PDB file of N, CA and C in Angstrom:
ATOM      1  N   UNK A   1       0.856  -1.170   0.000  1.00  0.00           N
ATOM      2  CA  UNK A   1       0.000   0.000   0.000  1.00  0.00           C
ATOM      3  C   UNK A   1       0.905   1.238   0.000  1.00  0.00           C
ATOM      4  N   UNK A   2       0.657   2.199  -0.887  1.00  0.00           N
ATOM      5  CA  UNK A   2       1.494   3.399  -0.947  1.00  0.00           C
ATOM      6  C   UNK A   2       1.395   4.247   0.323  1.00  0.00           C
ATOM      7  N   UNK A   3       2.466   4.952   0.613  1.00  0.00           N
ATOM      8  CA  UNK A   3       2.512   5.868   1.747  1.00  0.00           C
ATOM      9  C   UNK A   3       2.676   7.290   1.249  1.00  0.00           C
ATOM     10  N   UNK A   4       2.321   8.235   2.095  1.00  0.00           N
ATOM     11  CA  UNK A   4       2.491   9.639   1.782  1.00  0.00           C
ATOM     12  C   UNK A   4       2.318  10.479   3.028  1.00  0.00           C
ATOM     13  N   UNK A   5       2.354  11.787   2.843  1.00  0.00           N
ATOM     14  CA  UNK A   5       2.238  12.744   3.935  1.00  0.00           C
ATOM     15  C   UNK A   5       1.100  13.715   3.632  1.00  0.00           C
ATOM     16  N   UNK A   6       0.285  13.985   4.634  1.00  0.00           N
ATOM     17  CA  UNK A   6      -0.775  14.969   4.455  1.00  0.00           C
ATOM     18  C   UNK A   6      -0.120  16.342   4.343  1.00  0.00           C
ATOM     19  N   UNK A   7      -0.343  17.005   3.222  1.00  0.00           N
ATOM     20  CA  UNK A   7       0.258  18.309   2.990  1.00  0.00           C
ATOM     21  C   UNK A   7      -0.710  19.453   3.239  1.00  0.00           C
ATOM     22  N   UNK A   8      -1.980  19.244   2.981  1.00  0.00           N
ATOM     23  CA  UNK A   8      -2.951  20.332   3.135  1.00  0.00           C
ATOM     24  C   UNK A   8      -4.313  19.738   3.449  1.00  0.00           C
ATOM     25  N   UNK A   9      -4.987  20.312   4.431  1.00  0.00           N
ATOM     26  CA  UNK A   9      -6.353  19.935   4.771  1.00  0.00           C
ATOM     27  C   UNK A   9      -7.248  21.157   4.605  1.00  0.00           C
ATOM     28  N   UNK A  10      -8.358  20.976   3.953  1.00  0.00           N
ATOM     29  CA  UNK A  10      -9.341  22.044   3.781  1.00  0.00           C
ATOM     30  C   UNK A  10     -10.614  21.568   4.480  1.00  0.00           C
ATOM     31  N   UNK A  11     -10.630  21.787   5.788  1.00  0.00           N
ATOM     32  CA  UNK A  11     -11.665  21.216   6.648  1.00  0.00           C
ATOM     33  C   UNK A  11     -13.068  21.691   6.284  1.00  0.00           C
ATOM     34  N   UNK A  12     -13.222  22.964   5.935  1.00  0.00           N
ATOM     35  CA  UNK A  12     -14.565  23.467   5.647  1.00  0.00           C
ATOM     36  C   UNK A  12     -15.144  22.887   4.364  1.00  0.00           C
ATOM     37  N   UNK A  13     -14.304  22.308   3.532  1.00  0.00           N
ATOM     38  CA  UNK A  13     -14.775  21.663   2.299  1.00  0.00           C
ATOM     39  C   UNK A  13     -14.697  20.147   2.373  1.00  0.00           C
ATOM     40  N   UNK A  14     -14.044  19.608   3.412  1.00  0.00           N
ATOM     41  CA  UNK A  14     -13.996  18.168   3.611  1.00  0.00           C
ATOM     42  C   UNK A  14     -13.053  17.414   2.694  1.00  0.00           C
ATOM     43  N   UNK A  15     -11.942  18.038   2.321  1.00  0.00           N
ATOM     44  CA  UNK A  15     -10.955  17.303   1.534  1.00  0.00           C
ATOM     45  C   UNK A  15      -9.552  17.799   1.831  1.00  0.00           C
ATOM     46  N   UNK A  16      -8.578  17.062   1.314  1.00  0.00           N
ATOM     47  CA  UNK A  16      -7.190  17.419   1.536  1.00  0.00           C
ATOM     48  C   UNK A  16      -6.313  16.866   0.428  1.00  0.00           C
ATOM     49  N   UNK A  17      -5.011  17.051   0.615  1.00  0.00           N
ATOM     50  CA  UNK A  17      -4.027  16.597  -0.361  1.00  0.00           C
ATOM     51  C   UNK A  17      -2.933  15.816   0.327  1.00  0.00           C
ATOM     52  N   UNK A  18      -2.495  14.756  -0.346  1.00  0.00           N
ATOM     53  CA  UNK A  18      -1.405  13.908   0.124  1.00  0.00           C
ATOM     54  C   UNK A  18      -0.252  14.039  -0.853  1.00  0.00           C
ATOM     55  N   UNK A  19       0.965  14.207  -0.313  1.00  0.00           N
ATOM     56  CA  UNK A  19       2.162  14.160  -1.154  1.00  0.00           C
ATOM     57  C   UNK A  19       2.707  12.740  -1.060  1.00  0.00           C
ATOM     58  N   UNK A  20       2.837  12.086  -2.203  1.00  0.00           N
ATOM     59  CA  UNK A  20       3.329  10.710  -2.238  1.00  0.00           C
ATOM     60  C   UNK A  20       4.847  10.686  -2.141  1.00  0.00           C
ATOM     61  N   UNK A  21       5.412   9.495  -1.947  1.00  0.00           N
ATOM     62  CA  UNK A  21       6.872   9.371  -1.896  1.00  0.00           C
ATOM     63  C   UNK A  21       7.496   9.703  -3.244  1.00  0.00           C
ATOM     64  N   UNK A  22       6.714   9.654  -4.321  1.00  0.00           N
ATOM     65  CA  UNK A  22       7.201  10.027  -5.651  1.00  0.00           C
ATOM     66  C   UNK A  22       7.076  11.529  -5.888  1.00  0.00           C
ATOM     67  N   UNK A  23       6.702  12.284  -4.855  1.00  0.00           N
ATOM     68  CA  UNK A  23       6.560  13.745  -4.900  1.00  0.00           C
ATOM     69  C   UNK A  23       5.402  14.206  -5.785  1.00  0.00           C
ATOM     70  N   UNK A  24       4.402  13.368  -5.977  1.00  0.00           N
ATOM     71  CA  UNK A  24       3.188  13.784  -6.663  1.00  0.00           C
ATOM     72  C   UNK A  24       2.119  14.051  -5.600  1.00  0.00           C
ATOM     73  N   UNK A  25       1.062  14.731  -5.989  1.00  0.00           N
ATOM     74  CA  UNK A  25      -0.007  15.061  -5.060  1.00  0.00           C
ATOM     75  C   UNK A  25      -1.301  14.387  -5.490  1.00  0.00           C
ATOM     76  N   UNK A  26      -2.022  13.878  -4.492  1.00  0.00           N
ATOM     77  CA  UNK A  26      -3.330  13.280  -4.719  1.00  0.00           C
ATOM     78  C   UNK A  26      -4.328  13.931  -3.777  1.00  0.00           C
ATOM     79  N   UNK A  27      -5.511  14.185  -4.261  1.00  0.00           N
ATOM     80  CA  UNK A  27      -6.557  14.710  -3.392  1.00  0.00           C
ATOM     81  C   UNK A  27      -7.272  13.540  -2.724  1.00  0.00           C
ATOM     82  N   UNK A  28      -7.954  13.835  -1.637  1.00  0.00           N
ATOM     83  CA  UNK A  28      -8.812  12.836  -0.992  1.00  0.00           C
ATOM     84  C   UNK A  28      -9.974  13.544  -0.333  1.00  0.00           C
ATOM     85  N   UNK A  29     -11.100  12.845  -0.254  1.00  0.00           N
ATOM     86  CA  UNK A  29     -12.307  13.368   0.374  1.00  0.00           C
ATOM     87  C   UNK A  29     -12.411  12.818   1.783  1.00  0.00           C
ATOM     88  N   UNK A  30     -13.096  13.535   2.647  1.00  0.00           N
ATOM     89  CA  UNK A  30     -13.244  13.092   4.034  1.00  0.00           C
ATOM     90  C   UNK A  30     -13.891  11.711   4.136  1.00  0.00           C
ATOM     91  N   UNK A  31     -14.727  11.353   3.170  1.00  0.00           N
ATOM     92  CA  UNK A  31     -15.377  10.042   3.196  1.00  0.00           C
ATOM     93  C   UNK A  31     -14.396   8.899   2.938  1.00  0.00           C
ATOM     94  N   UNK A  32     -13.192   9.196   2.447  1.00  0.00           N
ATOM     95  CA  UNK A  32     -12.187   8.167   2.176  1.00  0.00           C
ATOM     96  C   UNK A  32     -11.353   7.835   3.407  1.00  0.00           C
ATOM     97  N   UNK A  33     -11.471   8.616   4.470  1.00  0.00           N
ATOM     98  CA  UNK A  33     -10.663   8.425   5.673  1.00  0.00           C
ATOM     99  C   UNK A  33     -11.241   7.288   6.500  1.00  0.00           C
ATOM    100  N   UNK A  34     -10.368   6.373   6.923  1.00  0.00           N
ATOM    101  CA  UNK A  34     -10.791   5.212   7.711  1.00  0.00           C
ATOM    102  C   UNK A  34     -10.005   5.140   9.004  1.00  0.00           C
ATOM    103  N   UNK A  35     -10.662   4.731  10.080  1.00  0.00           N
ATOM    104  CA  UNK A  35      -9.990   4.492  11.352  1.00  0.00           C
ATOM    105  C   UNK A  35      -9.786   5.726  12.222  1.00  0.00           C
ATOM    106  N   UNK A  36     -10.083   6.900  11.689  1.00  0.00           N
ATOM    107  CA  UNK A  36      -9.960   8.150  12.439  1.00  0.00           C
ATOM    108  C   UNK A  36     -10.904   9.161  11.782  1.00  0.00           C
ATOM    109  N   UNK A  37     -11.398  10.098  12.565  1.00  0.00           N
ATOM    110  CA  UNK A  37     -12.254  11.138  12.010  1.00  0.00           C
ATOM    111  C   UNK A  37     -11.427  12.098  11.166  1.00  0.00           C
ATOM    112  N   UNK A  38     -12.008  12.644  10.120  1.00  0.00           N
ATOM    113  CA  UNK A  38     -11.318  13.612   9.267  1.00  0.00           C
ATOM    114  C   UNK A  38     -10.766  14.770  10.103  1.00  0.00           C
ATOM    115  N   UNK A  39     -11.541  15.238  11.070  1.00  0.00           N
ATOM    116  CA  UNK A  39     -11.112  16.339  11.928  1.00  0.00           C
ATOM    117  C   UNK A  39      -9.931  15.995  12.815  1.00  0.00           C
ATOM    118  N   UNK A  40      -9.628  14.709  12.965  1.00  0.00           N
ATOM    119  CA  UNK A  40      -8.491  14.273  13.774  1.00  0.00           C
ATOM    120  C   UNK A  40      -7.181  14.226  13.007  1.00  0.00           C
ATOM    121  N   UNK A  41      -7.235  14.449  11.701  1.00  0.00           N
ATOM    122  CA  UNK A  41      -6.014  14.461  10.895  1.00  0.00           C
ATOM    123  C   UNK A  41      -5.307  15.803  11.031  1.00  0.00           C
ATOM    124  N   UNK A  42      -3.981  15.771  10.914  1.00  0.00           N
ATOM    125  CA  UNK A  42      -3.209  17.009  10.932  1.00  0.00           C
ATOM    126  C   UNK A  42      -2.203  16.983   9.787  1.00  0.00           C
ATOM    127  N   UNK A  43      -1.873  18.150   9.304  1.00  0.00           N
ATOM    128  CA  UNK A  43      -0.885  18.254   8.236  1.00  0.00           C
ATOM    129  C   UNK A  43       0.451  17.725   8.737  1.00  0.00           C
ATOM    130  N   UNK A  44       1.139  16.982   7.880  1.00  0.00           N
ATOM    131  CA  UNK A  44       2.424  16.390   8.232  1.00  0.00           C
ATOM    132  C   UNK A  44       2.334  14.935   8.674  1.00  0.00           C
ATOM    133  N   UNK A  45       1.125  14.425   8.925  1.00  0.00           N
ATOM    134  CA  UNK A  45       0.966  13.031   9.330  1.00  0.00           C
ATOM    135  C   UNK A  45       1.257  12.097   8.170  1.00  0.00           C
ATOM    136  N   UNK A  46       1.864  10.957   8.490  1.00  0.00           N
ATOM    137  CA  UNK A  46       2.096   9.910   7.501  1.00  0.00           C
ATOM    138  C   UNK A  46       0.824   9.083   7.371  1.00  0.00           C
ATOM    139  N   UNK A  47       0.441   8.795   6.134  1.00  0.00           N
ATOM    140  CA  UNK A  47      -0.751   8.002   5.873  1.00  0.00           C
ATOM    141  C   UNK A  47      -0.463   6.926   4.834  1.00  0.00           C
ATOM    142  N   UNK A  48      -1.313   5.928   4.818  1.00  0.00           N
ATOM    143  CA  UNK A  48      -1.329   4.895   3.781  1.00  0.00           C
ATOM    144  C   UNK A  48      -2.616   5.101   3.000  1.00  0.00           C
ATOM    145  N   UNK A  49      -2.604   4.737   1.739  1.00  0.00           N
ATOM    146  CA  UNK A  49      -3.801   4.942   0.924  1.00  0.00           C
ATOM    147  C   UNK A  49      -3.779   4.004  -0.267  1.00  0.00           C
ATOM    148  N   UNK A  50      -4.910   3.901  -0.904  1.00  0.00           N
ATOM    149  CA  UNK A  50      -5.019   3.199  -2.177  1.00  0.00           C
ATOM    150  C   UNK A  50      -5.318   4.244  -3.236  1.00  0.00           C
ATOM    151  N   UNK A  51      -4.791   4.041  -4.425  1.00  0.00           N
ATOM    152  CA  UNK A  51      -5.055   4.969  -5.522  1.00  0.00           C
ATOM    153  C   UNK A  51      -6.334   4.569  -6.235  1.00  0.00           C
ATOM    154  N   UNK A  52      -7.120   5.545  -6.591  1.00  0.00           N
ATOM    155  CA  UNK A  52      -8.349   5.332  -7.331  1.00  0.00           C
ATOM    156  C   UNK A  52      -8.545   6.470  -8.306  1.00  0.00           C
ATOM    157  N   UNK A  53      -9.721   6.522  -8.895  1.00  0.00           N
ATOM    158  CA  UNK A  53     -10.026   7.595  -9.836  1.00  0.00           C
ATOM    159  C   UNK A  53     -11.109   8.484  -9.269  1.00  0.00           C
ATOM    160  N   UNK A  54     -10.907   9.773  -9.455  1.00  0.00           N
ATOM    161  CA  UNK A  54     -11.882  10.754  -9.024  1.00  0.00           C
ATOM    162  C   UNK A  54     -12.628  11.310 -10.215  1.00  0.00           C
ATOM    163  N   UNK A  55     -13.062  12.536 -10.066  1.00  0.00           N
ATOM    164  CA  UNK A  55     -13.802  13.217 -11.122  1.00  0.00           C
ATOM    165  C   UNK A  55     -12.953  13.382 -12.373  1.00  0.00           C
ATOM    166  N   UNK A  56     -13.582  13.207 -13.499  1.00  0.00           N
ATOM    167  CA  UNK A  56     -12.945  13.360 -14.805  1.00  0.00           C
ATOM    168  C   UNK A  56     -11.729  12.444 -14.979  1.00  0.00           C
ATOM    169  N   UNK A  57     -11.714  11.322 -14.276  1.00  0.00           N
ATOM    170  CA  UNK A  57     -10.647  10.345 -14.422  1.00  0.00           C
ATOM    171  C   UNK A  57      -9.342  10.711 -13.756  1.00  0.00           C
ATOM    172  N   UNK A  58      -9.328  11.768 -12.975  1.00  0.00           N
ATOM    173  CA  UNK A  58      -8.104  12.178 -12.283  1.00  0.00           C
ATOM    174  C   UNK A  58      -7.799  11.217 -11.146  1.00  0.00           C
ATOM    175  N   UNK A  59      -6.513  10.936 -10.901  1.00  0.00           N
ATOM    176  CA  UNK A  59      -6.172  10.056  -9.780  1.00  0.00           C
ATOM    177  C   UNK A  59      -6.502  10.729  -8.447  1.00  0.00           C
ATOM    178  N   UNK A  60      -6.934   9.916  -7.497  1.00  0.00           N
ATOM    179  CA  UNK A  60      -7.196  10.424  -6.160  1.00  0.00           C
ATOM    180  C   UNK A  60      -6.920   9.325  -5.159  1.00  0.00           C
ATOM    181  N   UNK A  61      -6.717   9.689  -3.926  1.00  0.00           N
ATOM    182  CA  UNK A  61      -6.463   8.723  -2.863  1.00  0.00           C
ATOM    183  C   UNK A  61      -7.790   8.248  -2.290  1.00  0.00           C
ATOM    184  N   UNK A  62      -7.904   6.951  -2.098  1.00  0.00           N
ATOM    185  CA  UNK A  62      -9.079   6.353  -1.468  1.00  0.00           C
ATOM    186  C   UNK A  62      -8.598   5.450  -0.341  1.00  0.00           C
ATOM    187  N   UNK A  63      -9.468   5.117   0.586  1.00  0.00           N
ATOM    188  CA  UNK A  63      -9.117   4.277   1.739  1.00  0.00           C
ATOM    189  C   UNK A  63      -7.889   4.824   2.464  1.00  0.00           C
ATOM    190  N   UNK A  64      -7.958   6.089   2.844  1.00  0.00           N
ATOM    191  CA  UNK A  64      -6.853   6.759   3.520  1.00  0.00           C
ATOM    192  C   UNK A  64      -6.887   6.402   5.008  1.00  0.00           C
ATOM    193  N   UNK A  65      -5.742   5.971   5.551  1.00  0.00           N
ATOM    194  CA  UNK A  65      -5.643   5.675   6.982  1.00  0.00           C
ATOM    195  C   UNK A  65      -4.248   6.022   7.483  1.00  0.00           C
ATOM    196  N   UNK A  66      -4.139   6.194   8.785  1.00  0.00           N
ATOM    197  CA  UNK A  66      -2.838   6.528   9.362  1.00  0.00           C
ATOM    198  C   UNK A  66      -1.861   5.398   9.107  1.00  0.00           C
ATOM    199  N   UNK A  67      -0.616   5.762   8.800  1.00  0.00           N
ATOM    200  CA  UNK A  67       0.418   4.762   8.534  1.00  0.00           C
ATOM    201  C   UNK A  67       0.795   4.068   9.840  1.00  0.00           C
ATOM    202  N   UNK A  68       1.068   2.791   9.744  1.00  0.00           N
ATOM    203  CA  UNK A  68       1.512   2.025  10.892  1.00  0.00           C
ATOM    204  C   UNK A  68       2.985   2.324  11.148  1.00  0.00           C
ATOM    205  N   UNK A  69       3.372   2.446  12.420  1.00  0.00           N
ATOM    206  CA  UNK A  69       4.786   2.690  12.716  1.00  0.00           C
ATOM    207  C   UNK A  69       5.645   1.554  12.175  1.00  0.00           C
ATOM    208  N   UNK A  70       6.811   1.912  11.685  1.00  0.00           N
ATOM    209  CA  UNK A  70       7.751   0.908  11.166  1.00  0.00           C
ATOM    210  C   UNK A  70       8.355   0.130  12.326  1.00  0.00           C
ATOM    211  N   UNK A  71       8.362  -1.186  12.228  1.00  0.00           N
ATOM    212  CA  UNK A  71       8.973  -2.000  13.281  1.00  0.00           C
ATOM    213  C   UNK A  71      10.448  -2.184  12.953  1.00  0.00           C
ATOM    214  N   UNK A  72      11.248  -2.115  13.979  1.00  0.00           N
ATOM    215  CA  UNK A  72      12.710  -2.214  13.803  1.00  0.00           C
ATOM    216  C   UNK A  72      13.143  -3.657  13.832  1.00  0.00           C
TER     217      UNK A  72
END
Protein backbone atom coordinates (compact mmCIF):
# COMPACT_ATOMS: atom_id res chain seq x y z
CA UNK A 1 0.00 0.00 0.00
CA UNK A 2 1.49 3.40 -0.95
CA UNK A 3 2.51 5.87 1.75
CA UNK A 4 2.49 9.64 1.78
CA UNK A 5 2.24 12.74 3.94
CA UNK A 6 -0.77 14.97 4.45
CA UNK A 7 0.26 18.31 2.99
CA UNK A 8 -2.95 20.33 3.14
CA UNK A 9 -6.35 19.93 4.77
CA UNK A 10 -9.34 22.04 3.78
CA UNK A 11 -11.67 21.22 6.65
CA UNK A 12 -14.57 23.47 5.65
CA UNK A 13 -14.77 21.66 2.30
CA UNK A 14 -14.00 18.17 3.61
CA UNK A 15 -10.96 17.30 1.53
CA UNK A 16 -7.19 17.42 1.54
CA UNK A 17 -4.03 16.60 -0.36
CA UNK A 18 -1.41 13.91 0.12
CA UNK A 19 2.16 14.16 -1.15
CA UNK A 20 3.33 10.71 -2.24
CA UNK A 21 6.87 9.37 -1.90
CA UNK A 22 7.20 10.03 -5.65
CA UNK A 23 6.56 13.74 -4.90
CA UNK A 24 3.19 13.78 -6.66
CA UNK A 25 -0.01 15.06 -5.06
CA UNK A 26 -3.33 13.28 -4.72
CA UNK A 27 -6.56 14.71 -3.39
CA UNK A 28 -8.81 12.84 -0.99
CA UNK A 29 -12.31 13.37 0.37
CA UNK A 30 -13.24 13.09 4.03
CA UNK A 31 -15.38 10.04 3.20
CA UNK A 32 -12.19 8.17 2.18
CA UNK A 33 -10.66 8.43 5.67
CA UNK A 34 -10.79 5.21 7.71
CA UNK A 35 -9.99 4.49 11.35
CA UNK A 36 -9.96 8.15 12.44
CA UNK A 37 -12.25 11.14 12.01
CA UNK A 38 -11.32 13.61 9.27
CA UNK A 39 -11.11 16.34 11.93
CA UNK A 40 -8.49 14.27 13.77
CA UNK A 41 -6.01 14.46 10.90
CA UNK A 42 -3.21 17.01 10.93
CA UNK A 43 -0.89 18.25 8.24
CA UNK A 44 2.42 16.39 8.23
CA UNK A 45 0.97 13.03 9.33
CA UNK A 46 2.10 9.91 7.50
CA UNK A 47 -0.75 8.00 5.87
CA UNK A 48 -1.33 4.89 3.78
CA UNK A 49 -3.80 4.94 0.92
CA UNK A 50 -5.02 3.20 -2.18
CA UNK A 51 -5.06 4.97 -5.52
CA UNK A 52 -8.35 5.33 -7.33
CA UNK A 53 -10.03 7.60 -9.84
CA UNK A 54 -11.88 10.75 -9.02
CA UNK A 55 -13.80 13.22 -11.12
CA UNK A 56 -12.95 13.36 -14.81
CA UNK A 57 -10.65 10.35 -14.42
CA UNK A 58 -8.10 12.18 -12.28
CA UNK A 59 -6.17 10.06 -9.78
CA UNK A 60 -7.20 10.42 -6.16
CA UNK A 61 -6.46 8.72 -2.86
CA UNK A 62 -9.08 6.35 -1.47
CA UNK A 63 -9.12 4.28 1.74
CA UNK A 64 -6.85 6.76 3.52
CA UNK A 65 -5.64 5.67 6.98
CA UNK A 66 -2.84 6.53 9.36
CA UNK A 67 0.42 4.76 8.53
CA UNK A 68 1.51 2.02 10.89
CA UNK A 69 4.79 2.69 12.72
CA UNK A 70 7.75 0.91 11.17
CA UNK A 71 8.97 -2.00 13.28
CA UNK A 72 12.71 -2.21 13.80
